[in-house]
Amino acid sequence: MAVPGSARAAVSAGGQAAPIRYAAVSDCAKDPRNAEWCGPWWYRTTDGKRHRLSGVGRWAGAVAVSGDGRRLAYIRAKDARLVIRDLDGRTRVSRAEAWPSKLELDVTRVTLSYDGSRVAVDCCAAGHTEHPARVYDGGTGALLGKVPGVFAYEDALSFSGDSDQVLVRTDDEKSGKLSVHDPNGERTTTVVPPRLIGDNAATAALNADGHTVAVYVIGPKPQLALYDLDSELITATYPLPASGQKVTRDPVENTLTEAGTAVELVWTGDATLRMVRKIGFKRMRVQVYGIDVATGSVRPERAYTITATTEEAVSGR
């Protein structure tokens, strides 16, 4: 285990490490519509301190932060290996390159489970690679398995609430197809959900039960919808606070879009979710909500602003 000095800086004098709020890259351009990469990645912890993150690949998806803010993972620029780092400074490095083609590294995406115990690396646009997504053990850095047919540009990939399953949303003529895989990459479930779920499945989050999927339904009055993979039924919907952003319909895809808005959902318990909504560009507003599906309550937990950055990986802490 290597212990880099920059990671030690995240630990306070009292020995308690503040969780990571987000990792980012500063923006040099004055024009808000033309982002320009400025310097290396860095991360900010919940105590307000900023820490340098050196040696990371210079592209958008090279870094991920776990939802609990205790771990980050990134692709190292010098040798394309996956590095998994804890707040106490301990690191694990993959034995081989995180992606087999160096020509495709700048379009790879790193994804962490909520507790950081699983890491996924996938890549590219459909038709541009034959390499499957790779799943790693966050505690050891060992490669666990591979999930075929996942493309970072078109598909959504996330881990279940207990980190033991991988949920993938891929394109389908009718609606987004949802597939569940174990960490070894074996597919256990495949469903083509109704359009309400499929059209919003970029935010899909799989419960630890392996069959309950939550999605953020875009609209002037947004909703949280629950879908059961076993019965193939929508089991519940809950109203959510509106973002205040303009909602329009894509004339080609015939789907609703929410201007300047990105949403992430993650299960934090058997009946609880965290919703992280990011609004804007260069001056990004982050809204974090706690959702209890047993009672239907939606509670704002925190809000903060990230300014003058061109790329961000947000934990929601």
Protein backbone atom coordinates (compact mmCIF):
# COMPACT_ATOMS: atom_id res chain seq x y z
CA MET A 1 0.00 0.00 0.00
CA ALA A 2 1.41 3.38 -1.02
CA VAL A 3 0.70 6.45 1.12
CA PRO A 4 1.05 9.63 -0.96
CA GLY A 5 1.60 12.87 0.93
CA SER A 6 -1.26 14.70 -0.78
CA ALA A 7 -3.75 12.17 0.65
CA ARG A 8 -2.38 12.65 4.19
CA ALA A 9 -3.34 16.31 3.92
CA ALA A 10 -7.00 15.34 4.02
CA VAL A 11 -6.66 14.09 7.60
CA SER A 12 -7.08 16.72 10.29
CA ALA A 13 -4.92 17.11 13.39
CA GLY A 14 -7.52 15.19 15.38
CA GLY A 15 -7.09 12.18 13.16
CA GLN A 16 -10.54 12.45 11.55
CA ALA A 17 -10.66 12.70 7.77
CA ALA A 18 -13.30 14.99 6.27
CA PRO A 19 -15.24 13.29 3.44
CA ILE A 20 -14.70 14.37 -0.14
CA ARG A 21 -17.41 16.67 -1.45
CA TYR A 22 -16.24 16.73 -5.07
CA ALA A 23 -13.25 16.39 -7.38
CA ALA A 24 -12.80 18.95 -10.14
CA VAL A 25 -10.62 20.63 -12.74
CA SER A 26 -10.34 24.41 -12.79
CA ASP A 27 -11.46 26.36 -15.84
CA CYS A 28 -9.23 29.01 -17.44
CA ALA A 29 -11.60 30.35 -20.09
CA LYS A 30 -13.59 33.52 -19.46
CA ASP A 31 -16.31 32.58 -21.92
CA PRO A 32 -18.82 30.47 -19.95
CA ARG A 33 -19.70 28.46 -23.07
CA ASN A 34 -16.11 27.51 -23.91
CA ALA A 35 -14.59 25.52 -21.06
CA GLU A 36 -10.81 25.22 -21.04
CA TRP A 37 -8.85 22.70 -18.98
CA CYS A 38 -6.65 24.46 -16.44
CA GLY A 39 -4.11 22.50 -14.40
CA PRO A 40 -4.47 19.12 -12.66
CA TRP A 41 -7.45 17.56 -10.92
CA TRP A 42 -8.03 18.54 -7.30
CA TYR A 43 -10.62 17.68 -4.67
CA ARG A 44 -12.41 19.59 -1.90
CA THR A 45 -13.43 18.01 1.39
CA THR A 46 -16.46 18.94 3.50
CA ASP A 47 -14.29 21.02 5.82
CA GLY A 48 -13.68 23.39 2.89
CA LYS A 49 -10.07 22.39 2.25
CA ARG A 50 -8.75 21.89 -1.27
CA HIS A 51 -6.29 19.08 -2.04
CA ARG A 52 -4.20 18.49 -5.14
CA LEU A 53 -4.73 15.26 -7.08
CA SER A 54 -1.70 14.78 -9.29
CA GLY A 55 -1.03 12.33 -12.10
CA VAL A 56 -4.64 11.84 -13.18
CA GLY A 57 -5.72 11.48 -16.80
CA ARG A 58 -6.77 14.75 -18.42
CA TRP A 59 -10.29 13.90 -19.56
CA ALA A 60 -13.81 14.21 -18.20
CA GLY A 61 -14.52 10.72 -16.85
CA ALA A 62 -11.09 9.90 -15.43
CA VAL A 63 -12.13 10.43 -11.76
CA ALA A 64 -15.01 9.15 -9.61
CA VAL A 65 -15.89 9.85 -5.96
CA SER A 66 -17.87 7.40 -3.83
CA GLY A 67 -21.26 8.57 -2.57
CA ASP A 68 -20.10 8.43 1.05
CA GLY A 69 -17.13 10.66 0.20
CA ARG A 70 -14.61 8.20 1.70
CA ARG A 71 -12.90 6.99 -1.46
CA LEU A 72 -11.98 8.12 -4.95
CA ALA A 73 -10.77 6.25 -8.02
CA TYR A 74 -8.98 7.48 -11.11
CA ILE A 75 -7.01 6.42 -14.15
CA ARG A 76 -3.33 7.28 -13.80
CA ALA A 77 -1.97 9.19 -16.77
CA LYS A 78 1.54 7.71 -16.90
CA ASP A 79 0.57 4.04 -17.24
CA ALA A 80 -3.26 3.97 -17.62
CA ARG A 81 -3.70 1.91 -14.45
CA LEU A 82 -6.67 2.28 -12.14
CA VAL A 83 -5.80 3.85 -8.78
CA ILE A 84 -8.17 3.56 -5.80
CA ARG A 85 -7.42 5.93 -2.93
CA ASP A 86 -8.83 6.17 0.60
CA LEU A 87 -8.96 9.30 2.74
CA ASP A 88 -6.27 7.92 5.05
CA GLY A 89 -3.85 7.79 2.13
CA ARG A 90 -3.91 4.08 1.35
CA THR A 91 -3.98 3.26 -2.36
CA ARG A 92 -4.50 0.22 -4.54
CA VAL A 93 -3.34 0.02 -8.14
CA SER A 94 -4.65 -2.36 -10.79
CA ARG A 95 -2.13 -4.94 -12.00
CA ALA A 96 -2.73 -4.04 -15.64
CA GLU A 97 -3.96 -1.03 -17.60
CA ALA A 98 -7.51 -0.06 -16.75
CA TRP A 99 -8.36 0.01 -20.45
CA PRO A 100 -6.59 -2.11 -23.08
CA SER A 101 -6.47 0.55 -25.82
CA LYS A 102 -4.46 3.72 -25.09
CA LEU A 103 -6.07 5.36 -28.13
CA GLU A 104 -9.44 5.20 -26.32
CA LEU A 105 -8.34 6.31 -22.85
CA ASP A 106 -9.59 9.87 -23.23
CA VAL A 107 -13.17 8.58 -23.57
CA THR A 108 -13.15 6.15 -20.64
CA ARG A 109 -15.42 6.58 -17.61
CA VAL A 110 -14.77 5.58 -14.00
CA THR A 111 -17.75 4.76 -11.75
CA LEU A 112 -17.75 4.03 -7.99
CA SER A 113 -20.41 2.37 -5.88
CA TYR A 114 -21.89 4.35 -2.98
CA ASP A 115 -19.51 2.83 -0.40
CA GLY A 116 -16.58 2.61 -2.80
CA SER A 117 -16.32 -1.18 -2.57
CA ARG A 118 -16.78 -1.61 -6.33
CA VAL A 119 -15.30 0.30 -9.28
CA ALA A 120 -16.24 0.09 -12.96
CA VAL A 121 -14.33 1.33 -16.00
CA ASP A 122 -16.03 1.56 -19.40
CA CYS A 123 -15.45 3.41 -22.61
CA CYS A 124 -16.32 4.85 -25.93
CA ALA A 125 -19.29 5.14 -28.26
CA ALA A 126 -21.24 2.21 -29.65
CA GLY A 127 -19.37 0.50 -32.47
CA HIS A 128 -16.00 2.00 -31.55
CA THR A 129 -14.79 -0.73 -29.19
CA GLU A 130 -15.28 -4.42 -28.51
CA HIS A 131 -13.92 -4.28 -24.97
CA PRO A 132 -16.46 -4.88 -22.14
CA ALA A 133 -16.76 -2.73 -19.02
CA ARG A 134 -14.43 -3.87 -16.24
CA VAL A 135 -15.46 -4.28 -12.61
CA TYR A 136 -12.86 -4.03 -9.81
CA ASP A 137 -12.80 -4.69 -6.08
CA GLY A 138 -12.41 -1.29 -4.42
CA GLY A 139 -10.68 -2.80 -1.39
CA THR A 140 -7.95 -4.69 -3.25
CA GLY A 141 -7.88 -3.26 -6.78
CA ALA A 142 -8.37 -6.77 -8.20
CA LEU A 143 -10.31 -7.25 -11.43
CA LEU A 144 -13.53 -9.12 -10.63
CA GLY A 145 -15.19 -9.46 -14.01
CA LYS A 146 -16.32 -7.87 -17.25
CA VAL A 147 -19.73 -6.66 -18.42
CA PRO A 148 -20.19 -6.79 -22.23
CA GLY A 149 -21.99 -4.28 -24.39
CA VAL A 150 -21.61 -1.12 -22.27
CA PHE A 151 -20.69 2.15 -23.99
CA ALA A 152 -19.92 5.24 -21.93
CA TYR A 153 -21.40 7.69 -24.45
CA GLU A 154 -24.81 6.02 -24.80
CA ASP A 155 -25.35 3.82 -21.76
CA ALA A 156 -25.80 4.34 -18.02
CA LEU A 157 -23.96 2.10 -15.54
CA SER A 158 -24.39 2.06 -11.77
CA PHE A 159 -24.08 -0.25 -8.78
CA SER A 160 -26.86 -1.54 -6.55
CA GLY A 161 -27.34 -0.25 -3.04
CA ASP A 162 -25.25 -3.09 -1.60
CA SER A 163 -22.62 -2.79 -4.40
CA ASP A 164 -23.06 -6.46 -5.31
CA GLN A 165 -24.85 -5.95 -8.63
CA VAL A 166 -24.33 -3.82 -11.73
CA LEU A 167 -27.26 -2.11 -13.44
CA VAL A 168 -26.82 -1.16 -17.09
CA ARG A 169 -29.17 0.83 -19.28
CA THR A 170 -28.62 0.24 -23.03
CA ASP A 171 -30.47 1.46 -26.10
CA ASP A 172 -33.47 -0.43 -27.40
CA GLU A 173 -35.91 0.38 -30.18
CA LYS A 174 -38.87 0.55 -27.79
CA SER A 175 -37.24 1.97 -24.66
CA GLY A 176 -34.03 1.76 -22.72
CA LYS A 177 -33.22 -1.86 -21.90
CA LEU A 178 -32.27 -2.57 -18.27
CA SER A 179 -29.86 -5.40 -17.45
CA VAL A 180 -28.55 -6.61 -14.10
CA HIS A 181 -25.15 -8.31 -13.79
CA ASP A 182 -23.23 -9.80 -10.89
CA PRO A 183 -19.68 -8.48 -10.19
CA ASN A 184 -18.25 -11.24 -12.38
CA GLY A 185 -20.18 -9.83 -15.32
CA GLU A 186 -22.81 -12.58 -15.57
CA ARG A 187 -26.18 -11.21 -16.61
CA THR A 188 -29.01 -12.17 -14.26
CA THR A 189 -31.92 -10.04 -15.54
CA THR A 190 -32.89 -8.22 -18.75
CA VAL A 191 -36.08 -6.15 -19.06
CA VAL A 192 -37.42 -3.60 -21.55
CA PRO A 193 -39.35 -1.25 -19.22
CA PRO A 194 -42.22 1.10 -20.14
CA ARG A 195 -41.23 4.44 -21.64
CA LEU A 196 -41.68 6.35 -18.40
CA ILE A 197 -38.82 4.29 -16.95
CA GLY A 198 -36.77 3.70 -20.09
CA ASP A 199 -36.74 7.35 -21.16
CA ASN A 200 -35.42 8.36 -17.73
CA ALA A 201 -33.15 5.40 -17.05
CA ALA A 202 -29.95 7.45 -17.24
CA THR A 203 -30.65 8.07 -13.53
CA ALA A 204 -31.62 4.47 -12.74
CA ALA A 205 -30.58 3.18 -9.30
CA LEU A 206 -30.96 -0.48 -8.27
CA ASN A 207 -31.96 -1.36 -4.71
CA ALA A 208 -30.03 -4.00 -2.77
CA ASP A 209 -33.03 -6.31 -3.24
CA GLY A 210 -31.96 -6.70 -6.87
CA HIS A 211 -35.32 -5.86 -8.45
CA THR A 212 -36.48 -2.38 -7.35
CA VAL A 213 -35.26 0.39 -9.67
CA ALA A 214 -35.68 4.11 -8.98
CA VAL A 215 -35.55 6.78 -11.70
CA TYR A 216 -35.87 10.57 -11.80
CA VAL A 217 -38.76 11.41 -14.14
CA ILE A 218 -38.08 14.69 -15.96
CA GLY A 219 -40.92 17.20 -16.21
CA PRO A 220 -42.20 20.59 -15.00
CA LYS A 221 -43.32 18.62 -11.95
CA PRO A 222 -40.59 15.97 -11.62
CA GLN A 223 -41.22 12.64 -9.93
CA LEU A 224 -39.38 9.70 -8.46
CA ALA A 225 -40.70 6.47 -9.99
CA LEU A 226 -40.12 2.95 -8.69
CA TYR A 227 -40.13 0.03 -11.12
CA ASP A 228 -40.05 -3.68 -10.27
CA LEU A 229 -37.88 -5.78 -12.59
CA ASP A 230 -39.63 -9.02 -11.55
CA SER A 231 -43.24 -7.97 -12.10
CA GLU A 232 -42.30 -5.39 -14.78
CA LEU A 233 -44.65 -2.89 -13.17
CA ILE A 234 -44.30 0.69 -11.95
CA THR A 235 -45.03 0.29 -8.25
CA ALA A 236 -44.98 3.89 -6.99
CA THR A 237 -44.36 7.53 -7.92
CA TYR A 238 -43.49 10.42 -5.61
CA PRO A 239 -43.47 14.16 -6.34
CA LEU A 240 -40.07 15.90 -6.20
CA PRO A 241 -39.13 19.59 -5.88
CA ALA A 242 -38.78 21.26 -9.28
CA SER A 243 -35.36 22.44 -10.41
CA GLY A 244 -36.68 25.67 -11.90
CA GLN A 245 -34.98 24.87 -15.21
CA LYS A 246 -36.71 24.92 -18.59
CA VAL A 247 -38.14 21.57 -19.70
CA THR A 248 -38.40 20.92 -23.45
CA ARG A 249 -39.13 17.95 -25.70
CA ASP A 250 -36.41 16.57 -27.96
CA PRO A 251 -38.03 16.45 -31.43
CA VAL A 252 -35.83 13.56 -32.57
CA GLU A 253 -35.96 11.28 -29.52
CA ASN A 254 -39.42 12.50 -28.42
CA THR A 255 -38.18 12.68 -24.82
CA LEU A 256 -38.21 15.48 -22.26
CA THR A 257 -34.96 17.26 -21.39
CA GLU A 258 -34.18 19.60 -18.51
CA ALA A 259 -31.86 22.45 -19.46
CA GLY A 260 -28.47 22.47 -17.73
CA THR A 261 -29.50 19.77 -15.26
CA ALA A 262 -27.97 16.41 -14.31
CA VAL A 263 -29.38 14.09 -11.65
CA GLU A 264 -27.85 11.15 -9.79
CA LEU A 265 -29.78 8.72 -7.58
CA VAL A 266 -28.27 6.23 -5.16
CA TRP A 267 -29.82 3.92 -2.57
CA THR A 268 -28.45 4.63 0.91
CA GLY A 269 -30.61 2.02 2.69
CA ASP A 270 -33.40 -0.46 2.08
CA ALA A 271 -35.98 2.33 1.74
CA THR A 272 -33.88 5.49 1.47
CA LEU A 273 -32.28 7.25 -1.48
CA ARG A 274 -30.07 10.26 -2.02
CA MET A 275 -30.78 12.53 -4.98
CA VAL A 276 -27.98 14.81 -6.15
CA ARG A 277 -29.12 17.41 -8.68
CA LYS A 278 -26.52 19.54 -10.47
CA ILE A 279 -27.72 22.71 -12.19
CA GLY A 280 -25.75 25.10 -14.37
CA PHE A 281 -22.31 25.35 -15.88
CA LYS A 282 -19.16 27.02 -14.49
CA ARG A 283 -21.35 28.16 -11.61
CA MET A 284 -22.91 24.84 -10.72
CA ARG A 285 -25.56 24.64 -8.02
CA VAL A 286 -25.68 21.28 -6.24
CA GLN A 287 -28.90 20.26 -4.46
CA VAL A 288 -28.90 17.17 -2.26
CA TYR A 289 -32.12 15.52 -1.08
CA GLY A 290 -32.85 12.54 1.15
CA ILE A 291 -35.83 10.44 0.04
CA ASP A 292 -37.70 7.91 2.17
CA VAL A 293 -39.88 5.72 -0.06
CA ALA A 294 -41.57 4.11 2.94
CA THR A 295 -43.15 7.44 3.93
CA GLY A 296 -42.84 9.38 0.67
CA SER A 297 -40.92 12.18 2.37
CA VAL A 298 -38.39 14.23 0.39
CA ARG A 299 -36.05 16.27 2.56
CA PRO A 300 -33.44 18.82 1.40
CA GLU A 301 -30.15 17.93 3.09
CA ARG A 302 -27.69 20.46 1.74
CA ALA A 303 -26.96 22.81 -1.13
CA TYR A 304 -23.72 24.34 -2.31
CA THR A 305 -22.14 25.96 -5.36
CA ILE A 306 -19.12 24.90 -7.40
CA THR A 307 -17.59 27.74 -9.40
CA ALA A 308 -14.92 28.15 -12.10
CA THR A 309 -14.54 24.45 -12.96
CA THR A 310 -14.87 22.63 -16.25
CA GLU A 311 -15.21 19.03 -14.97
CA GLU A 312 -16.61 17.72 -11.70
CA ALA A 313 -17.19 14.42 -9.90
CA VAL A 314 -19.61 15.06 -7.04
CA SER A 315 -20.22 12.79 -4.04
CA GLY A 316 -23.25 14.64 -2.71
CA ARG A 317 -21.71 15.10 0.74
